[in-house]
Each structure stands twice: as structure tokens, then as C-alpha cells.
All heavy atoms as atom14 arrays in JSON, in Angstrom:
{
  "sequence": "QIDLDPVDVGSSLPDISKFPVSVENTTDT",
  "atom14_mask": [
    [1, 1, 1, 1, 1, 1, 1, 1, 1, 0, 0, 0, 0, 0],
    [1, 1, 1, 1, 1, 1, 1, 1, 0, 0, 0, 0, 0, 0],
    [1, 1, 1, 1, 1, 1, 1, 1, 0, 0, 0, 0, 0, 0],
    [1, 1, 1, 1, 1, 1, 1, 1, 0, 0, 0, 0, 0, 0],
    [1, 1, 1, 1, 1, 1, 1, 1, 0, 0, 0, 0, 0, 0],
    [1, 1, 1, 1, 1, 1, 1, 0, 0, 0, 0, 0, 0, 0],
    [1, 1, 1, 1, 1, 1, 1, 0, 0, 0, 0, 0, 0, 0],
    [1, 1, 1, 1, 1, 1, 1, 1, 0, 0, 0, 0, 0, 0],
    [1, 1, 1, 1, 1, 1, 1, 0, 0, 0, 0, 0, 0, 0],
    [1, 1, 1, 1, 0, 0, 0, 0, 0, 0, 0, 0, 0, 0],
    [1, 1, 1, 1, 1, 1, 0, 0, 0, 0, 0, 0, 0, 0],
    [1, 1, 1, 1, 1, 1, 0, 0, 0, 0, 0, 0, 0, 0],
    [1, 1, 1, 1, 1, 1, 1, 1, 0, 0, 0, 0, 0, 0],
    [1, 1, 1, 1, 1, 1, 1, 0, 0, 0, 0, 0, 0, 0],
    [1, 1, 1, 1, 1, 1, 1, 1, 0, 0, 0, 0, 0, 0],
    [1, 1, 1, 1, 1, 1, 1, 1, 0, 0, 0, 0, 0, 0],
    [1, 1, 1, 1, 1, 1, 0, 0, 0, 0, 0, 0, 0, 0],
    [1, 1, 1, 1, 1, 1, 1, 1, 1, 0, 0, 0, 0, 0],
    [1, 1, 1, 1, 1, 1, 1, 1, 1, 1, 1, 0, 0, 0],
    [1, 1, 1, 1, 1, 1, 1, 0, 0, 0, 0, 0, 0, 0],
    [1, 1, 1, 1, 1, 1, 1, 0, 0, 0, 0, 0, 0, 0],
    [1, 1, 1, 1, 1, 1, 0, 0, 0, 0, 0, 0, 0, 0],
    [1, 1, 1, 1, 1, 1, 1, 0, 0, 0, 0, 0, 0, 0],
    [1, 1, 1, 1, 1, 1, 1, 1, 1, 0, 0, 0, 0, 0],
    [1, 1, 1, 1, 1, 1, 1, 1, 0, 0, 0, 0, 0, 0],
    [1, 1, 1, 1, 1, 1, 1, 0, 0, 0, 0, 0, 0, 0],
    [1, 1, 1, 1, 1, 1, 1, 0, 0, 0, 0, 0, 0, 0],
    [1, 1, 1, 1, 1, 1, 1, 1, 0, 0, 0, 0, 0, 0],
    [1, 1, 1, 1, 1, 1, 1, 0, 0, 0, 0, 0, 0, 0]
  ],
  "atom14_positions": [
    [[0.85, -1.19, 0.0], [0.0, 0.0, 0.0], [0.88, 1.24, 0.0], [1.68, 1.43, 0.92], [-0.89, 0.0, 1.25], [-1.95, 1.1, 1.26], [-3.06, 0.84, 0.25], [-3.43, -0.3, 0.02], [-3.57, 1.91, -0.35], [0.0, 0.0, 0.0], [0.0, 0.0, 0.0], [0.0, 0.0, 0.0], [0.0, 0.0, 0.0], [0.0, 0.0, 0.0]],
    [[0.77, 2.07, -1.04], [1.62, 3.26, -1.12], [0.89, 4.47, -0.54], [-0.33, 4.54, -0.54], [2.08, 3.55, -2.56], [0.89, 3.84, -3.47], [2.87, 2.38, -3.1], [1.31, 4.25, -4.88], [0.0, 0.0, 0.0], [0.0, 0.0, 0.0], [0.0, 0.0, 0.0], [0.0, 0.0, 0.0], [0.0, 0.0, 0.0], [0.0, 0.0, 0.0]],
    [[1.67, 5.4, -0.07], [1.16, 6.65, 0.52], [1.39, 7.77, -0.48], [2.53, 8.11, -0.78], [1.89, 6.92, 1.84], [1.43, 8.21, 2.51], [0.48, 8.85, 2.01], [2.03, 8.58, 3.53], [0.0, 0.0, 0.0], [0.0, 0.0, 0.0], [0.0, 0.0, 0.0], [0.0, 0.0, 0.0], [0.0, 0.0, 0.0], [0.0, 0.0, 0.0]],
    [[0.31, 8.32, -1.02], [0.42, 9.36, -2.05], [0.44, 10.77, -1.48], [0.52, 11.74, -2.23], [-0.74, 9.23, -3.05], [-0.76, 7.93, -3.87], [-2.01, 7.87, -4.75], [0.49, 7.8, -4.71], [0.0, 0.0, 0.0], [0.0, 0.0, 0.0], [0.0, 0.0, 0.0], [0.0, 0.0, 0.0], [0.0, 0.0, 0.0], [0.0, 0.0, 0.0]],
    [[0.39, 10.9, -0.16], [0.46, 12.23, 0.45], [1.83, 12.84, 0.19], [2.83, 12.11, 0.1], [0.21, 12.15, 1.96], [-1.22, 11.79, 2.29], [-2.09, 12.04, 1.44], [-1.45, 11.23, 3.38], [0.0, 0.0, 0.0], [0.0, 0.0, 0.0], [0.0, 0.0, 0.0], [0.0, 0.0, 0.0], [0.0, 0.0, 0.0], [0.0, 0.0, 0.0]],
    [[1.92, 14.16, 0.06], [3.23, 14.79, -0.15], [4.15, 14.6, 1.03], [3.71, 14.25, 2.14], [2.87, 16.27, -0.34], [1.53, 16.44, 0.29], [0.83, 15.14, 0.11], [0.0, 0.0, 0.0], [0.0, 0.0, 0.0], [0.0, 0.0, 0.0], [0.0, 0.0, 0.0], [0.0, 0.0, 0.0], [0.0, 0.0, 0.0], [0.0, 0.0, 0.0]],
    [[5.43, 14.83, 0.79], [6.44, 14.66, 1.84], [6.14, 15.59, 3.01], [5.9, 16.78, 2.83], [7.85, 14.97, 1.29], [8.87, 14.97, 2.41], [8.23, 13.95, 0.22], [0.0, 0.0, 0.0], [0.0, 0.0, 0.0], [0.0, 0.0, 0.0], [0.0, 0.0, 0.0], [0.0, 0.0, 0.0], [0.0, 0.0, 0.0], [0.0, 0.0, 0.0]],
    [[6.14, 15.04, 4.2], [5.96, 15.82, 5.43], [7.31, 15.88, 6.15], [7.68, 14.95, 6.86], [4.9, 15.17, 6.32], [4.67, 15.93, 7.63], [5.23, 17.05, 7.77], [3.96, 15.42, 8.51], [0.0, 0.0, 0.0], [0.0, 0.0, 0.0], [0.0, 0.0, 0.0], [0.0, 0.0, 0.0], [0.0, 0.0, 0.0], [0.0, 0.0, 0.0]],
    [[8.02, 16.98, 5.93], [9.36, 17.11, 6.5], [9.31, 17.06, 8.02], [10.15, 16.43, 8.68], [10.04, 18.41, 6.03], [11.38, 18.61, 6.73], [10.24, 18.37, 4.51], [0.0, 0.0, 0.0], [0.0, 0.0, 0.0], [0.0, 0.0, 0.0], [0.0, 0.0, 0.0], [0.0, 0.0, 0.0], [0.0, 0.0, 0.0], [0.0, 0.0, 0.0]],
    [[8.3, 17.7, 8.59], [8.2, 17.77, 10.04], [8.15, 16.4, 10.7], [8.78, 16.17, 11.74], [0.0, 0.0, 0.0], [0.0, 0.0, 0.0], [0.0, 0.0, 0.0], [0.0, 0.0, 0.0], [0.0, 0.0, 0.0], [0.0, 0.0, 0.0], [0.0, 0.0, 0.0], [0.0, 0.0, 0.0], [0.0, 0.0, 0.0], [0.0, 0.0, 0.0]],
    [[7.42, 15.46, 10.08], [7.28, 14.13, 10.69], [8.58, 13.33, 10.64], [8.78, 12.4, 11.42], [6.17, 13.34, 9.98], [6.53, 13.05, 8.64], [0.0, 0.0, 0.0], [0.0, 0.0, 0.0], [0.0, 0.0, 0.0], [0.0, 0.0, 0.0], [0.0, 0.0, 0.0], [0.0, 0.0, 0.0], [0.0, 0.0, 0.0], [0.0, 0.0, 0.0]],
    [[9.47, 13.68, 9.71], [10.74, 12.95, 9.6], [11.83, 13.54, 10.49], [12.86, 12.9, 10.72], [11.22, 12.94, 8.15], [11.64, 14.23, 7.73], [0.0, 0.0, 0.0], [0.0, 0.0, 0.0], [0.0, 0.0, 0.0], [0.0, 0.0, 0.0], [0.0, 0.0, 0.0], [0.0, 0.0, 0.0], [0.0, 0.0, 0.0], [0.0, 0.0, 0.0]],
    [[11.62, 14.75, 10.98], [12.64, 15.38, 11.82], [12.71, 14.71, 13.18], [11.68, 14.41, 13.78], [12.31, 16.87, 12.01], [12.52, 17.79, 10.81], [11.81, 19.12, 11.03], [13.99, 18.01, 10.54], [0.0, 0.0, 0.0], [0.0, 0.0, 0.0], [0.0, 0.0, 0.0], [0.0, 0.0, 0.0], [0.0, 0.0, 0.0], [0.0, 0.0, 0.0]],
    [[13.91, 14.47, 13.69], [14.02, 13.9, 15.04], [13.66, 14.93, 16.1], [13.51, 16.12, 15.81], [15.5, 13.53, 15.12], [16.19, 14.49, 14.2], [15.23, 14.72, 13.08], [0.0, 0.0, 0.0], [0.0, 0.0, 0.0], [0.0, 0.0, 0.0], [0.0, 0.0, 0.0], [0.0, 0.0, 0.0], [0.0, 0.0, 0.0], [0.0, 0.0, 0.0]],
    [[13.52, 14.46, 17.33], [13.29, 15.38, 18.43], [14.43, 16.4, 18.48], [15.59, 16.06, 18.2], [13.2, 14.62, 19.75], [12.8, 15.51, 20.91], [11.6, 15.72, 21.09], [13.72, 16.0, 21.61], [0.0, 0.0, 0.0], [0.0, 0.0, 0.0], [0.0, 0.0, 0.0], [0.0, 0.0, 0.0], [0.0, 0.0, 0.0], [0.0, 0.0, 0.0]],
    [[14.11, 17.63, 18.83], [15.1, 18.71, 18.8], [16.29, 18.41, 19.72], [17.4, 18.93, 19.49], [14.45, 20.06, 19.18], [15.38, 21.22, 18.84], [14.06, 20.07, 20.65], [15.71, 21.35, 17.37], [0.0, 0.0, 0.0], [0.0, 0.0, 0.0], [0.0, 0.0, 0.0], [0.0, 0.0, 0.0], [0.0, 0.0, 0.0], [0.0, 0.0, 0.0]],
    [[16.1, 17.55, 20.7], [17.21, 17.21, 21.61], [18.36, 16.52, 20.87], [19.46, 16.41, 21.41], [16.71, 16.29, 22.73], [16.19, 15.08, 22.21], [0.0, 0.0, 0.0], [0.0, 0.0, 0.0], [0.0, 0.0, 0.0], [0.0, 0.0, 0.0], [0.0, 0.0, 0.0], [0.0, 0.0, 0.0], [0.0, 0.0, 0.0], [0.0, 0.0, 0.0]],
    [[18.1, 16.08, 19.64], [19.17, 15.47, 18.83], [20.26, 16.49, 18.51], [21.41, 16.11, 18.25], [18.56, 14.93, 17.53], [19.46, 14.02, 16.75], [19.62, 12.7, 17.48], [20.61, 11.8, 16.77], [20.88, 10.59, 17.54], [0.0, 0.0, 0.0], [0.0, 0.0, 0.0], [0.0, 0.0, 0.0], [0.0, 0.0, 0.0], [0.0, 0.0, 0.0]],
    [[19.92, 17.76, 18.54], [20.87, 18.82, 18.23], [21.28, 19.49, 19.54], [20.44, 20.04, 20.25], [20.26, 19.81, 17.25], [19.9, 19.16, 15.94], [18.64, 18.62, 15.75], [20.84, 19.04, 14.93], [18.31, 17.99, 14.56], [20.53, 18.41, 13.74], [19.26, 17.88, 13.55], [0.0, 0.0, 0.0], [0.0, 0.0, 0.0], [0.0, 0.0, 0.0]],
    [[22.55, 19.45, 19.87], [22.99, 19.81, 21.22], [22.85, 21.3, 21.54], [23.02, 22.15, 20.67], [24.46, 19.39, 21.22], [24.88, 19.47, 19.78], [23.68, 19.05, 19.0], [0.0, 0.0, 0.0], [0.0, 0.0, 0.0], [0.0, 0.0, 0.0], [0.0, 0.0, 0.0], [0.0, 0.0, 0.0], [0.0, 0.0, 0.0], [0.0, 0.0, 0.0]],
    [[22.54, 21.55, 22.78], [22.61, 22.92, 23.31], [24.07, 23.19, 23.64], [24.66, 22.51, 24.47], [21.73, 23.07, 24.56], [21.96, 24.43, 25.22], [20.26, 22.88, 24.2], [0.0, 0.0, 0.0], [0.0, 0.0, 0.0], [0.0, 0.0, 0.0], [0.0, 0.0, 0.0], [0.0, 0.0, 0.0], [0.0, 0.0, 0.0], [0.0, 0.0, 0.0]],
    [[24.64, 24.15, 22.96], [26.06, 24.44, 23.17], [26.29, 25.45, 24.29], [27.38, 25.5, 24.87], [26.71, 24.94, 21.87], [25.99, 26.03, 21.33], [0.0, 0.0, 0.0], [0.0, 0.0, 0.0], [0.0, 0.0, 0.0], [0.0, 0.0, 0.0], [0.0, 0.0, 0.0], [0.0, 0.0, 0.0], [0.0, 0.0, 0.0], [0.0, 0.0, 0.0]],
    [[25.28, 26.26, 24.6], [25.33, 27.16, 25.75], [23.96, 27.12, 26.44], [22.93, 27.4, 25.8], [25.65, 28.62, 25.34], [25.57, 29.55, 26.56], [27.01, 28.7, 24.69], [0.0, 0.0, 0.0], [0.0, 0.0, 0.0], [0.0, 0.0, 0.0], [0.0, 0.0, 0.0], [0.0, 0.0, 0.0], [0.0, 0.0, 0.0], [0.0, 0.0, 0.0]],
    [[23.94, 26.77, 27.72], [22.69, 26.72, 28.47], [22.35, 28.11, 29.03], [23.24, 28.88, 29.37], [22.81, 25.73, 29.63], [22.85, 24.27, 29.2], [21.49, 23.71, 28.83], [20.5, 24.48, 28.83], [21.43, 22.5, 28.53], [0.0, 0.0, 0.0], [0.0, 0.0, 0.0], [0.0, 0.0, 0.0], [0.0, 0.0, 0.0], [0.0, 0.0, 0.0]],
    [[21.06, 28.37, 29.12], [20.61, 29.6, 29.78], [20.9, 29.51, 31.27], [20.94, 28.41, 31.85], [19.13, 29.83, 29.56], [18.27, 28.66, 30.02], [18.33, 27.59, 29.42], [17.49, 28.86, 31.08], [0.0, 0.0, 0.0], [0.0, 0.0, 0.0], [0.0, 0.0, 0.0], [0.0, 0.0, 0.0], [0.0, 0.0, 0.0], [0.0, 0.0, 0.0]],
    [[21.13, 30.63, 31.9], [21.45, 30.67, 33.34], [20.39, 31.4, 34.15], [20.55, 31.56, 35.37], [22.82, 31.35, 33.55], [22.79, 32.65, 32.96], [23.94, 30.52, 32.93], [0.0, 0.0, 0.0], [0.0, 0.0, 0.0], [0.0, 0.0, 0.0], [0.0, 0.0, 0.0], [0.0, 0.0, 0.0], [0.0, 0.0, 0.0], [0.0, 0.0, 0.0]],
    [[19.33, 31.84, 33.5], [18.26, 32.57, 34.19], [16.91, 32.07, 33.68], [16.82, 31.4, 32.66], [18.35, 34.08, 33.92], [18.23, 34.31, 32.5], [19.67, 34.66, 34.41], [0.0, 0.0, 0.0], [0.0, 0.0, 0.0], [0.0, 0.0, 0.0], [0.0, 0.0, 0.0], [0.0, 0.0, 0.0], [0.0, 0.0, 0.0], [0.0, 0.0, 0.0]],
    [[15.86, 32.44, 34.4], [14.5, 32.04, 33.98], [14.04, 32.84, 32.76], [13.28, 32.33, 31.94], [13.52, 32.25, 35.13], [13.77, 31.27, 36.29], [14.34, 30.2, 36.02], [13.42, 31.6, 37.43], [0.0, 0.0, 0.0], [0.0, 0.0, 0.0], [0.0, 0.0, 0.0], [0.0, 0.0, 0.0], [0.0, 0.0, 0.0], [0.0, 0.0, 0.0]],
    [[14.49, 34.06, 32.65], [14.16, 34.88, 31.48], [15.3, 34.77, 30.47], [16.42, 35.2, 30.74], [13.95, 36.36, 31.88], [12.92, 36.44, 32.87], [13.57, 37.2, 30.67], [0.0, 0.0, 0.0], [0.0, 0.0, 0.0], [0.0, 0.0, 0.0], [0.0, 0.0, 0.0], [0.0, 0.0, 0.0], [0.0, 0.0, 0.0], [0.0, 0.0, 0.0]]
  ]
}
């Protein structure tokens, strides 16, 4: 069964945690 819907880039993207935080925030704001 083929899926004829167009490519959904968002669904293929991994969780954002895959890309490292190189500097963490130090305050709530």
C-alpha cells in the first residue's frame, strides 16, 4: 500500500534534543 500524500518534513525530523545545546541559559528569562 503506497502513501500518495506529499512529503511531510516535520514528521521525519528527530526530536530537537538530537541537536545539542552548546550554551545553556542561566536565568529564567
